[in-house]
Amino acid sequence: MIRSQIYERSSLKIISEETGRTQSDLIREAIDSLIIRIQEKK
């Protein structure tokens, strides 16, 4: 797996703590949502 730089670490950490979800899980969900939105535009 290739690791990417995350610039919004502080926001991600806060959301993770508030939701009880891991930062990795939140990143995966965001990427999945982005992919779906892009595919719907085609």
N, C-alpha and C. Protein backbone atom coordinates (compact mmCIF):
# COMPACT_ATOMS: atom_id res chain seq x y z
N MET A 1 0.84 -1.18 0.00
CA MET A 1 0.00 0.00 0.00
C MET A 1 0.88 1.24 0.00
N ILE A 2 0.49 2.22 -0.78
CA ILE A 2 1.20 3.49 -0.84
C ILE A 2 0.54 4.46 0.12
N ARG A 3 1.32 5.07 0.98
CA ARG A 3 0.78 6.05 1.93
C ARG A 3 0.80 7.44 1.32
N SER A 4 -0.25 8.19 1.55
CA SER A 4 -0.35 9.56 1.04
C SER A 4 -0.34 10.54 2.21
N GLN A 5 0.08 11.74 1.92
CA GLN A 5 0.10 12.79 2.94
C GLN A 5 -1.32 13.28 3.19
N ILE A 6 -1.70 13.39 4.45
CA ILE A 6 -2.99 13.93 4.83
C ILE A 6 -2.74 15.29 5.47
N TYR A 7 -3.29 16.33 4.88
CA TYR A 7 -3.03 17.68 5.37
C TYR A 7 -3.98 18.12 6.47
N GLU A 8 -5.12 17.51 6.55
CA GLU A 8 -6.12 17.91 7.54
C GLU A 8 -6.12 16.95 8.73
N ARG A 9 -4.96 16.64 9.24
CA ARG A 9 -4.84 15.68 10.34
C ARG A 9 -5.62 16.10 11.57
N SER A 10 -5.58 17.39 11.92
CA SER A 10 -6.26 17.81 13.14
C SER A 10 -7.77 17.64 13.00
N SER A 11 -8.34 18.00 11.86
CA SER A 11 -9.77 17.82 11.63
C SER A 11 -10.13 16.35 11.62
N LEU A 12 -9.31 15.56 10.97
CA LEU A 12 -9.55 14.12 10.90
C LEU A 12 -9.51 13.50 12.29
N LYS A 13 -8.57 13.94 13.10
CA LYS A 13 -8.45 13.41 14.46
C LYS A 13 -9.69 13.75 15.29
N ILE A 14 -10.16 14.98 15.17
CA ILE A 14 -11.34 15.41 15.92
C ILE A 14 -12.57 14.59 15.51
N ILE A 15 -12.78 14.44 14.20
CA ILE A 15 -13.93 13.67 13.72
C ILE A 15 -13.82 12.22 14.18
N SER A 16 -12.63 11.67 14.13
CA SER A 16 -12.41 10.29 14.58
C SER A 16 -12.77 10.13 16.04
N GLU A 17 -12.33 11.05 16.86
CA GLU A 17 -12.62 10.98 18.30
C GLU A 17 -14.11 11.16 18.57
N GLU A 18 -14.76 12.06 17.83
CA GLU A 18 -16.19 12.32 18.06
C GLU A 18 -17.07 11.17 17.60
N THR A 19 -16.66 10.48 16.54
CA THR A 19 -17.50 9.41 15.98
C THR A 19 -17.11 8.03 16.49
N GLY A 20 -15.92 7.92 17.08
CA GLY A 20 -15.46 6.62 17.54
C GLY A 20 -14.98 5.73 16.41
N ARG A 21 -14.76 6.31 15.24
CA ARG A 21 -14.27 5.56 14.08
C ARG A 21 -12.78 5.84 13.88
N THR A 22 -12.09 4.92 13.24
CA THR A 22 -10.67 5.14 13.01
C THR A 22 -10.48 6.16 11.89
N GLN A 23 -9.32 6.81 11.91
CA GLN A 23 -9.01 7.76 10.85
C GLN A 23 -8.94 7.04 9.51
N SER A 24 -8.41 5.83 9.49
CA SER A 24 -8.35 5.05 8.24
C SER A 24 -9.73 4.79 7.68
N ASP A 25 -10.68 4.47 8.56
CA ASP A 25 -12.05 4.20 8.13
C ASP A 25 -12.67 5.47 7.53
N LEU A 26 -12.44 6.61 8.16
CA LEU A 26 -12.98 7.87 7.64
C LEU A 26 -12.37 8.21 6.28
N ILE A 27 -11.08 7.97 6.12
CA ILE A 27 -10.41 8.23 4.84
C ILE A 27 -10.97 7.32 3.76
N ARG A 28 -11.13 6.03 4.09
CA ARG A 28 -11.70 5.09 3.11
C ARG A 28 -13.09 5.53 2.67
N GLU A 29 -13.92 5.94 3.63
CA GLU A 29 -15.28 6.37 3.30
C GLU A 29 -15.26 7.61 2.40
N ALA A 30 -14.38 8.55 2.70
CA ALA A 30 -14.29 9.76 1.89
C ALA A 30 -13.86 9.45 0.47
N ILE A 31 -12.89 8.57 0.32
CA ILE A 31 -12.41 8.20 -1.02
C ILE A 31 -13.49 7.46 -1.78
N ASP A 32 -14.18 6.53 -1.12
CA ASP A 32 -15.27 5.80 -1.77
C ASP A 32 -16.35 6.76 -2.24
N SER A 33 -16.71 7.74 -1.42
CA SER A 33 -17.73 8.73 -1.79
C SER A 33 -17.28 9.56 -2.99
N LEU A 34 -16.03 9.95 -3.00
CA LEU A 34 -15.49 10.72 -4.11
C LEU A 34 -15.54 9.92 -5.41
N ILE A 35 -15.14 8.67 -5.36
CA ILE A 35 -15.16 7.81 -6.54
C ILE A 35 -16.59 7.67 -7.08
N ILE A 36 -17.54 7.46 -6.18
CA ILE A 36 -18.94 7.31 -6.61
C ILE A 36 -19.44 8.59 -7.27
N ARG A 37 -19.13 9.75 -6.68
CA ARG A 37 -19.58 11.02 -7.27
C ARG A 37 -18.99 11.23 -8.64
N ILE A 38 -17.72 10.91 -8.81
CA ILE A 38 -17.07 11.07 -10.11
C ILE A 38 -17.67 10.14 -11.14
N GLN A 39 -17.93 8.90 -10.75
CA GLN A 39 -18.52 7.92 -11.68
C GLN A 39 -19.93 8.33 -12.08
N GLU A 40 -20.69 8.94 -11.18
CA GLU A 40 -22.05 9.36 -11.49
C GLU A 40 -22.08 10.49 -12.51
N LYS A 41 -21.02 11.29 -12.58
CA LYS A 41 -20.95 12.40 -13.51
C LYS A 41 -20.67 11.93 -14.93
N LYS A 42 -20.17 10.72 -15.09
CA LYS A 42 -19.81 10.22 -16.45
C LYS A 42 -21.03 9.84 -17.22
